[in-house]
């Protein structure tokens, strides 16, 4: 018998069924973890706008950040804001990547930014 391991030998030497015909009904509902992923878009117009992005990250949102306006007005504050976001991303074990000259994307722990081979090769040079 292929499922012989489901039987055990009784006192009389005969094999008796370990499993019974009774069954347990399982709830077919999915867990409460069925929520949708939230993706936000924010714009850095000044250094303090980085706090909004940090808050979204702490709430497990993926955030596309337009850095163009701050880049045009104050490069020093842009660097400070990006450094601040990098620290937050590191502390929550998230990921961060530049998309182009005016956009970056930051994400929490559950998401990973998959980089193209071309981007990885450029970063290694």
N, C-alpha and C. Protein backbone atom coordinates (compact mmCIF):
# COMPACT_ATOMS: atom_id res chain seq x y z
N UNK A 1 0.85 -1.19 0.00
CA UNK A 1 0.00 0.00 0.00
C UNK A 1 0.89 1.24 0.00
N UNK A 2 0.68 2.19 -0.88
CA UNK A 2 1.55 3.35 -0.97
C UNK A 2 1.52 4.23 0.26
N UNK A 3 0.43 4.31 0.97
CA UNK A 3 0.34 5.15 2.15
C UNK A 3 0.41 4.30 3.42
N UNK A 4 1.20 3.28 3.42
CA UNK A 4 1.34 2.38 4.54
C UNK A 4 1.80 3.08 5.81
N UNK A 5 2.50 4.18 5.67
CA UNK A 5 2.97 4.91 6.85
C UNK A 5 1.83 5.53 7.65
N UNK A 6 0.63 5.59 7.05
CA UNK A 6 -0.51 6.13 7.76
C UNK A 6 -1.21 5.09 8.64
N UNK A 7 -0.74 3.89 8.59
CA UNK A 7 -1.31 2.83 9.40
C UNK A 7 -0.35 2.47 10.50
N UNK A 8 -0.87 2.00 11.61
CA UNK A 8 0.00 1.50 12.66
C UNK A 8 -0.51 0.14 13.08
N UNK A 9 0.39 -0.62 13.59
CA UNK A 9 0.03 -1.97 13.95
C UNK A 9 -0.68 -1.96 15.29
N UNK A 10 -1.83 -2.65 15.37
CA UNK A 10 -2.58 -2.74 16.61
C UNK A 10 -2.02 -3.85 17.49
N UNK A 11 -2.65 -4.02 18.64
CA UNK A 11 -2.20 -5.05 19.58
C UNK A 11 -2.33 -6.45 19.00
N UNK A 12 -3.32 -6.66 18.12
CA UNK A 12 -3.54 -7.98 17.57
C UNK A 12 -2.69 -8.25 16.34
N UNK A 13 -1.75 -7.33 16.02
CA UNK A 13 -0.87 -7.53 14.87
C UNK A 13 -1.46 -7.02 13.57
N UNK A 14 -2.73 -6.66 13.58
CA UNK A 14 -3.39 -6.13 12.40
C UNK A 14 -3.08 -4.65 12.25
N UNK A 15 -3.03 -4.15 11.02
CA UNK A 15 -2.83 -2.73 10.78
C UNK A 15 -4.15 -2.01 11.02
N UNK A 16 -4.09 -0.94 11.75
CA UNK A 16 -5.31 -0.15 11.98
C UNK A 16 -5.08 1.27 11.47
N UNK A 17 -6.13 1.90 11.02
CA UNK A 17 -6.02 3.25 10.46
C UNK A 17 -5.68 4.26 11.54
N UNK A 18 -4.67 5.07 11.31
CA UNK A 18 -4.34 6.17 12.21
C UNK A 18 -5.25 7.34 11.90
N UNK A 19 -5.47 7.56 10.63
CA UNK A 19 -6.30 8.69 10.22
C UNK A 19 -7.76 8.26 10.23
N UNK A 20 -8.60 9.12 10.68
CA UNK A 20 -10.02 8.84 10.70
C UNK A 20 -10.69 9.52 9.53
N UNK A 21 -11.94 9.18 9.32
CA UNK A 21 -12.69 9.78 8.22
C UNK A 21 -13.15 11.18 8.54
N UNK A 22 -13.00 11.60 9.80
CA UNK A 22 -13.40 12.96 10.16
C UNK A 22 -12.46 13.95 9.49
N UNK A 23 -12.95 15.13 9.26
CA UNK A 23 -12.11 16.17 8.66
C UNK A 23 -12.36 17.48 9.37
N UNK A 24 -11.41 18.36 9.22
CA UNK A 24 -11.50 19.69 9.81
C UNK A 24 -11.73 20.67 8.68
N UNK A 25 -12.73 21.50 8.83
CA UNK A 25 -13.01 22.51 7.80
C UNK A 25 -12.13 23.73 8.06
N UNK A 26 -11.43 24.15 7.05
CA UNK A 26 -10.55 25.31 7.16
C UNK A 26 -11.25 26.52 6.57
N UNK A 27 -10.98 27.66 7.16
CA UNK A 27 -11.54 28.90 6.66
C UNK A 27 -10.81 29.27 5.38
N UNK A 28 -11.53 29.47 4.31
CA UNK A 28 -10.93 29.77 3.02
C UNK A 28 -10.59 31.24 2.83
N UNK A 29 -10.96 32.08 3.80
CA UNK A 29 -10.66 33.51 3.67
C UNK A 29 -9.17 33.74 3.77
N UNK A 30 -8.69 34.65 3.00
CA UNK A 30 -7.28 35.01 3.05
C UNK A 30 -7.01 35.83 4.30
N UNK A 31 -5.77 35.96 4.64
CA UNK A 31 -5.41 36.74 5.82
C UNK A 31 -5.72 38.22 5.59
N UNK A 32 -5.60 38.98 6.66
CA UNK A 32 -5.87 40.42 6.56
C UNK A 32 -4.78 41.14 5.79
N UNK A 33 -3.80 40.42 5.32
CA UNK A 33 -2.68 41.00 4.60
C UNK A 33 -2.99 41.19 3.12
N UNK A 34 -4.27 41.26 2.76
CA UNK A 34 -4.68 41.42 1.38
C UNK A 34 -4.70 42.88 0.93
N UNK A 35 -4.16 43.78 1.72
CA UNK A 35 -4.22 45.19 1.39
C UNK A 35 -3.35 45.49 0.17
N UNK A 36 -3.70 46.55 -0.50
CA UNK A 36 -2.97 46.95 -1.70
C UNK A 36 -1.72 47.72 -1.32
N UNK A 37 -0.76 47.70 -2.20
CA UNK A 37 0.47 48.46 -2.02
C UNK A 37 0.18 49.91 -2.38
N UNK A 38 0.64 50.82 -1.53
CA UNK A 38 0.43 52.25 -1.78
C UNK A 38 1.69 52.82 -2.40
N UNK A 39 1.51 53.51 -3.52
CA UNK A 39 2.62 54.19 -4.19
C UNK A 39 2.28 55.67 -4.21
N UNK A 40 3.16 56.47 -3.65
CA UNK A 40 2.93 57.91 -3.55
C UNK A 40 3.88 58.66 -4.49
N UNK A 41 3.52 59.86 -4.81
CA UNK A 41 4.39 60.77 -5.56
C UNK A 41 4.50 62.05 -4.74
N UNK A 42 5.72 62.47 -4.47
CA UNK A 42 5.97 63.69 -3.71
C UNK A 42 6.98 64.54 -4.47
N UNK A 43 6.96 65.81 -4.19
CA UNK A 43 7.89 66.74 -4.81
C UNK A 43 8.70 67.44 -3.72
N UNK A 44 10.00 67.47 -3.91
CA UNK A 44 10.86 68.22 -2.98
C UNK A 44 11.02 69.63 -3.53
N UNK A 45 10.35 70.57 -2.88
CA UNK A 45 10.49 71.98 -3.24
C UNK A 45 11.46 72.67 -2.28
N UNK A 46 11.55 72.10 -1.05
CA UNK A 46 12.47 72.61 -0.04
C UNK A 46 12.92 71.44 0.82
N UNK A 47 13.93 71.67 1.62
CA UNK A 47 14.53 70.62 2.45
C UNK A 47 13.50 69.94 3.35
N UNK A 48 12.60 70.69 3.93
CA UNK A 48 11.62 70.14 4.88
C UNK A 48 10.63 69.17 4.23
N UNK A 49 10.50 69.20 2.91
CA UNK A 49 9.60 68.27 2.23
C UNK A 49 10.08 66.82 2.36
N UNK A 50 11.34 66.63 2.70
CA UNK A 50 11.86 65.27 2.88
C UNK A 50 11.16 64.57 4.04
N UNK A 51 10.66 65.33 4.99
CA UNK A 51 9.95 64.73 6.13
C UNK A 51 8.68 64.02 5.69
N UNK A 52 7.97 64.57 4.70
CA UNK A 52 6.77 63.91 4.19
C UNK A 52 7.13 62.56 3.56
N UNK A 53 8.21 62.55 2.83
CA UNK A 53 8.66 61.31 2.19
C UNK A 53 9.04 60.29 3.26
N UNK A 54 9.75 60.73 4.29
CA UNK A 54 10.12 59.84 5.39
C UNK A 54 8.87 59.23 6.04
N UNK A 55 7.86 60.04 6.26
CA UNK A 55 6.64 59.55 6.89
C UNK A 55 5.96 58.48 6.03
N UNK A 56 5.92 58.70 4.73
CA UNK A 56 5.35 57.70 3.82
C UNK A 56 6.14 56.40 3.89
N UNK A 57 7.45 56.50 3.92
CA UNK A 57 8.29 55.30 4.03
C UNK A 57 8.00 54.54 5.32
N UNK A 58 7.87 55.27 6.40
CA UNK A 58 7.59 54.62 7.69
C UNK A 58 6.21 53.96 7.69
N UNK A 59 5.32 54.43 6.83
CA UNK A 59 3.99 53.83 6.69
C UNK A 59 3.97 52.76 5.60
N UNK A 60 5.15 52.30 5.18
CA UNK A 60 5.30 51.23 4.18
C UNK A 60 4.78 51.59 2.79
N UNK A 61 4.90 52.85 2.41
CA UNK A 61 4.51 53.28 1.07
C UNK A 61 5.76 53.36 0.19
N UNK A 62 5.59 53.05 -1.07
CA UNK A 62 6.64 53.29 -2.06
C UNK A 62 6.45 54.73 -2.52
N UNK A 63 7.55 55.47 -2.65
CA UNK A 63 7.43 56.90 -2.97
C UNK A 63 8.31 57.26 -4.17
N UNK A 64 7.68 57.84 -5.16
CA UNK A 64 8.40 58.46 -6.28
C UNK A 64 8.61 59.91 -5.88
N UNK A 65 9.85 60.37 -5.90
CA UNK A 65 10.17 61.71 -5.42
C UNK A 65 10.72 62.54 -6.59
N UNK A 66 10.03 63.64 -6.87
CA UNK A 66 10.48 64.59 -7.88
C UNK A 66 11.44 65.57 -7.20
N UNK A 67 12.71 65.48 -7.55
CA UNK A 67 13.72 66.34 -6.92
C UNK A 67 14.05 67.55 -7.79
N UNK A 68 13.42 67.65 -8.94
CA UNK A 68 13.71 68.72 -9.90
C UNK A 68 13.59 70.13 -9.34
N UNK A 69 12.47 70.48 -8.70
CA UNK A 69 12.32 71.85 -8.19
C UNK A 69 13.40 72.24 -7.17
N UNK A 70 13.75 71.34 -6.27
CA UNK A 70 14.79 71.66 -5.28
C UNK A 70 16.17 71.70 -5.94
N UNK A 71 16.35 70.87 -6.94
CA UNK A 71 17.63 70.85 -7.66
C UNK A 71 17.88 72.20 -8.36
N UNK A 72 16.81 72.77 -8.89
CA UNK A 72 16.94 74.05 -9.60
C UNK A 72 17.20 75.22 -8.66
N UNK A 73 16.69 75.14 -7.42
CA UNK A 73 16.79 76.28 -6.52
C UNK A 73 17.93 76.19 -5.52
N UNK A 74 18.20 74.99 -4.99
CA UNK A 74 19.18 74.89 -3.90
C UNK A 74 19.83 73.50 -3.87
N UNK A 75 20.94 73.37 -4.55
CA UNK A 75 21.63 72.09 -4.66
C UNK A 75 22.13 71.58 -3.30
N UNK A 76 22.53 72.49 -2.41
CA UNK A 76 23.01 72.09 -1.09
C UNK A 76 21.90 71.43 -0.29
N UNK A 77 20.72 72.05 -0.29
CA UNK A 77 19.59 71.45 0.42
C UNK A 77 19.11 70.16 -0.24
N UNK A 78 19.25 70.05 -1.54
CA UNK A 78 18.91 68.80 -2.22
C UNK A 78 19.82 67.67 -1.71
N UNK A 79 21.10 67.94 -1.64
CA UNK A 79 22.05 66.93 -1.15
C UNK A 79 21.72 66.54 0.29
N UNK A 80 21.38 67.52 1.11
CA UNK A 80 21.01 67.24 2.50
C UNK A 80 19.75 66.39 2.57
N UNK A 81 18.75 66.73 1.74
CA UNK A 81 17.49 65.99 1.73
C UNK A 81 17.70 64.54 1.27
N UNK A 82 18.51 64.36 0.24
CA UNK A 82 18.78 63.01 -0.26
C UNK A 82 19.54 62.20 0.80
N UNK A 83 20.49 62.84 1.47
CA UNK A 83 21.23 62.17 2.53
C UNK A 83 20.29 61.76 3.67
N UNK A 84 19.36 62.63 4.00
CA UNK A 84 18.37 62.33 5.04
C UNK A 84 17.50 61.14 4.64
N UNK A 85 17.08 61.11 3.38
CA UNK A 85 16.27 60.00 2.90
C UNK A 85 17.08 58.69 2.88
N UNK A 86 18.36 58.78 2.51
CA UNK A 86 19.21 57.59 2.51
C UNK A 86 19.30 56.98 3.91
N UNK A 87 19.43 57.83 4.92
CA UNK A 87 19.51 57.34 6.30
C UNK A 87 18.21 56.65 6.69
N UNK A 88 17.08 57.23 6.31
CA UNK A 88 15.79 56.63 6.64
C UNK A 88 15.63 55.29 5.93
N UNK A 89 15.98 55.25 4.66
CA UNK A 89 15.87 54.01 3.89
C UNK A 89 16.75 52.92 4.51
N UNK A 90 17.94 53.30 4.93
CA UNK A 90 18.84 52.33 5.55
C UNK A 90 18.27 51.83 6.88
N UNK A 91 17.69 52.73 7.66
CA UNK A 91 17.17 52.34 8.97
C UNK A 91 15.95 51.41 8.88
N UNK A 92 15.18 51.51 7.80
CA UNK A 92 14.02 50.63 7.64
C UNK A 92 14.34 49.45 6.73
N UNK A 93 15.60 49.31 6.35
CA UNK A 93 16.06 48.23 5.48
C UNK A 93 15.35 48.27 4.13
N UNK A 94 15.18 49.48 3.60
CA UNK A 94 14.50 49.66 2.33
C UNK A 94 15.48 49.77 1.17
N UNK A 95 15.04 50.41 0.10
CA UNK A 95 15.87 50.56 -1.10
C UNK A 95 15.60 51.93 -1.71
N UNK A 96 16.58 52.44 -2.42
CA UNK A 96 16.48 53.78 -3.02
C UNK A 96 17.28 53.78 -4.31
N UNK A 97 16.74 54.42 -5.35
CA UNK A 97 17.46 54.50 -6.62
C UNK A 97 17.05 55.76 -7.37
N UNK A 98 18.02 56.29 -8.11
CA UNK A 98 17.73 57.40 -9.00
C UNK A 98 17.17 56.85 -10.29
N UNK A 99 16.11 57.48 -10.78
CA UNK A 99 15.48 57.02 -12.01
C UNK A 99 16.02 57.83 -13.19
N UNK A 100 16.10 59.14 -13.00
CA UNK A 100 16.73 60.01 -13.99
C UNK A 100 17.23 61.25 -13.25
N UNK A 101 17.45 62.32 -13.95
CA UNK A 101 18.01 63.52 -13.33
C UNK A 101 17.05 64.20 -12.35
N UNK A 102 15.75 63.92 -12.46
CA UNK A 102 14.78 64.63 -11.63
C UNK A 102 13.92 63.73 -10.76
N UNK A 103 14.09 62.41 -10.82
CA UNK A 103 13.25 61.51 -10.04
C UNK A 103 14.08 60.46 -9.32
N UNK A 104 13.69 60.18 -8.08
CA UNK A 104 14.23 59.04 -7.35
C UNK A 104 13.04 58.24 -6.83
N UNK A 105 13.27 56.98 -6.56
CA UNK A 105 12.22 56.14 -5.99
C UNK A 105 12.78 55.53 -4.70
N UNK A 106 11.97 55.56 -3.66
CA UNK A 106 12.35 54.99 -2.37
C UNK A 106 11.26 54.01 -1.96
N UNK A 107 11.69 52.90 -1.38
CA UNK A 107 10.70 51.89 -0.99
C UNK A 107 11.08 51.24 0.32
N UNK A 108 10.08 50.74 1.04
CA UNK A 108 10.33 50.08 2.33
C UNK A 108 10.87 48.66 2.15
N UNK A 109 11.01 47.98 3.23
CA UNK A 109 11.65 46.66 3.30
C UNK A 109 11.02 45.63 2.38
N UNK A 110 9.71 45.61 2.22
CA UNK A 110 9.05 44.55 1.46
C UNK A 110 9.26 44.65 -0.04
N UNK A 111 9.79 45.77 -0.52
CA UNK A 111 9.98 45.95 -1.95
C UNK A 111 11.47 46.06 -2.28
N UNK A 112 11.82 45.66 -3.46
CA UNK A 112 13.20 45.74 -3.92
C UNK A 112 13.22 46.41 -5.28
N UNK A 113 14.16 47.30 -5.48
CA UNK A 113 14.31 47.95 -6.77
C UNK A 113 15.26 47.10 -7.60
N UNK A 114 14.77 46.57 -8.68
CA UNK A 114 15.57 45.73 -9.56
C UNK A 114 16.27 46.65 -10.56
N UNK A 115 17.58 46.66 -10.49
CA UNK A 115 18.36 47.53 -11.37
C UNK A 115 18.75 46.80 -12.63
N UNK A 116 18.78 47.53 -13.74
CA UNK A 116 19.18 46.91 -15.00
C UNK A 116 20.68 46.66 -14.99
N UNK A 117 21.13 45.73 -15.82
CA UNK A 117 22.55 45.44 -15.89
C UNK A 117 23.36 46.67 -16.30
N UNK A 118 22.77 47.48 -17.18
CA UNK A 118 23.43 48.69 -17.66
C UNK A 118 23.70 49.64 -16.49
N UNK A 119 22.72 49.80 -15.60
CA UNK A 119 22.87 50.67 -14.44
C UNK A 119 23.92 50.11 -13.48
N UNK A 120 23.90 48.80 -13.25
CA UNK A 120 24.85 48.18 -12.36
C UNK A 120 26.27 48.31 -12.90
N UNK A 121 26.44 48.13 -14.21
CA UNK A 121 27.78 48.26 -14.80
C UNK A 121 28.31 49.67 -14.66
N UNK A 122 27.44 50.68 -14.84
CA UNK A 122 27.86 52.07 -14.74
C UNK A 122 28.27 52.40 -13.31
N UNK A 123 27.57 51.82 -12.33
CA UNK A 123 27.87 52.08 -10.92
C UNK A 123 29.19 51.45 -10.50
N UNK A 124 29.59 50.39 -11.15
CA UNK A 124 30.81 49.69 -10.78
C UNK A 124 32.06 50.30 -11.38
N UNK A 125 31.93 51.27 -12.27
CA UNK A 125 33.10 51.85 -12.93
C UNK A 125 33.65 53.02 -12.20
